Amino acid sequence: MGVIQKWFGFNGWKALSTSGRVGATILYRVLFVAGLAAAIIAYSYISGSEDPSIIWIAVVGFIWFLMFQFFINLIFVNSS
């Protein structure tokens, strides 16, 4: 498994879904959406504009996705 796949792949989600904890899976998905909303609101507030362009929303969403994938893999795959 390469470094990118190890830290940013979907192995954390696979480990979470095979454990049979449906409540935990739903909680992590809700946390992802809440974090994405907070990241977009924070970007809008920091940039000082009321309506950021769709390109910057996509960039912020992609960065949040990578950060969240990193945390999921850190917790469920690469934990000690």
Protein backbone atom coordinates (compact mmCIF):
# COMPACT_ATOMS: atom_id res chain seq x y z
CA MET A 1 0.00 0.00 0.00
CA GLY A 2 1.47 3.36 -1.02
CA VAL A 3 1.78 6.34 1.28
CA ILE A 4 -1.08 8.22 -0.38
CA GLN A 5 -3.35 5.17 -0.27
CA LYS A 6 -2.36 4.44 3.32
CA TRP A 7 -3.11 7.91 4.68
CA PHE A 8 -5.79 9.24 2.31
CA GLY A 9 -7.51 6.11 0.93
CA PHE A 10 -10.80 4.54 1.89
CA ASN A 11 -9.35 1.80 4.11
CA GLY A 12 -10.57 3.58 7.23
CA TRP A 13 -14.15 3.55 5.97
CA LYS A 14 -13.83 -0.14 5.05
CA ALA A 15 -12.57 -0.96 8.53
CA LEU A 16 -15.38 1.07 10.08
CA SER A 17 -18.11 -0.57 8.01
CA THR A 18 -16.82 -4.12 8.54
CA SER A 19 -16.84 -3.64 12.29
CA GLY A 20 -20.65 -3.56 12.21
CA ARG A 21 -21.04 -0.33 14.10
CA VAL A 22 -23.81 1.40 12.15
CA GLY A 23 -24.16 4.21 14.71
CA ALA A 24 -20.46 5.05 14.46
CA THR A 25 -20.62 5.12 10.66
CA ILE A 26 -23.58 7.49 10.73
CA LEU A 27 -21.85 9.67 13.33
CA TYR A 28 -18.68 9.98 11.23
CA ARG A 29 -20.70 10.87 8.14
CA VAL A 30 -22.63 13.53 10.05
CA LEU A 31 -19.33 14.88 11.39
CA PHE A 32 -17.99 15.05 7.84
CA VAL A 33 -20.95 17.10 6.63
CA ALA A 34 -20.86 19.36 9.70
CA GLY A 35 -17.13 19.90 9.28
CA LEU A 36 -17.57 20.65 5.57
CA ALA A 37 -20.22 23.23 6.37
CA ALA A 38 -18.00 24.78 9.04
CA ALA A 39 -15.03 24.88 6.64
CA ILE A 40 -17.08 26.64 3.94
CA ILE A 41 -18.52 29.12 6.46
CA ALA A 42 -15.04 29.77 7.90
CA TYR A 43 -13.61 30.33 4.42
CA SER A 44 -16.43 32.73 3.58
CA TYR A 45 -15.87 34.61 6.83
CA ILE A 46 -12.08 34.76 6.46
CA SER A 47 -12.17 35.80 2.81
CA GLY A 48 -14.62 38.61 3.62
CA SER A 49 -16.96 37.83 0.76
CA GLU A 50 -20.58 36.91 1.11
CA ASP A 51 -20.64 34.41 -1.74
CA PRO A 52 -17.41 32.59 -2.53
CA SER A 53 -17.11 31.20 -6.05
CA ILE A 54 -17.88 27.57 -6.71
CA ILE A 55 -14.21 26.96 -7.51
CA TRP A 56 -13.10 28.01 -4.02
CA ILE A 57 -15.93 26.07 -2.41
CA ALA A 58 -14.70 22.99 -4.30
CA VAL A 59 -11.10 23.64 -3.19
CA VAL A 60 -12.13 24.03 0.45
CA GLY A 61 -14.29 20.89 0.17
CA PHE A 62 -11.43 18.88 -1.34
CA ILE A 63 -9.01 20.00 1.38
CA TRP A 64 -11.56 19.13 4.07
CA PHE A 65 -12.11 15.73 2.39
CA LEU A 66 -8.38 14.98 2.48
CA MET A 67 -8.10 16.08 6.12
CA PHE A 68 -11.09 13.96 7.13
CA GLN A 69 -9.79 10.92 5.23
CA PHE A 70 -6.46 11.35 6.99
CA PHE A 71 -8.17 11.36 10.41
CA ILE A 72 -10.37 8.36 9.59
CA ASN A 73 -7.33 6.36 8.43
CA LEU A 74 -5.36 7.52 11.44
CA ILE A 75 -8.05 6.27 13.79
CA PHE A 76 -9.11 3.00 12.16
CA VAL A 77 -6.13 1.77 10.12
CA ASN A 78 -2.90 3.30 11.33
CA SER A 79 -3.65 3.50 15.04
CA SER A 80 -1.31 1.86 17.48
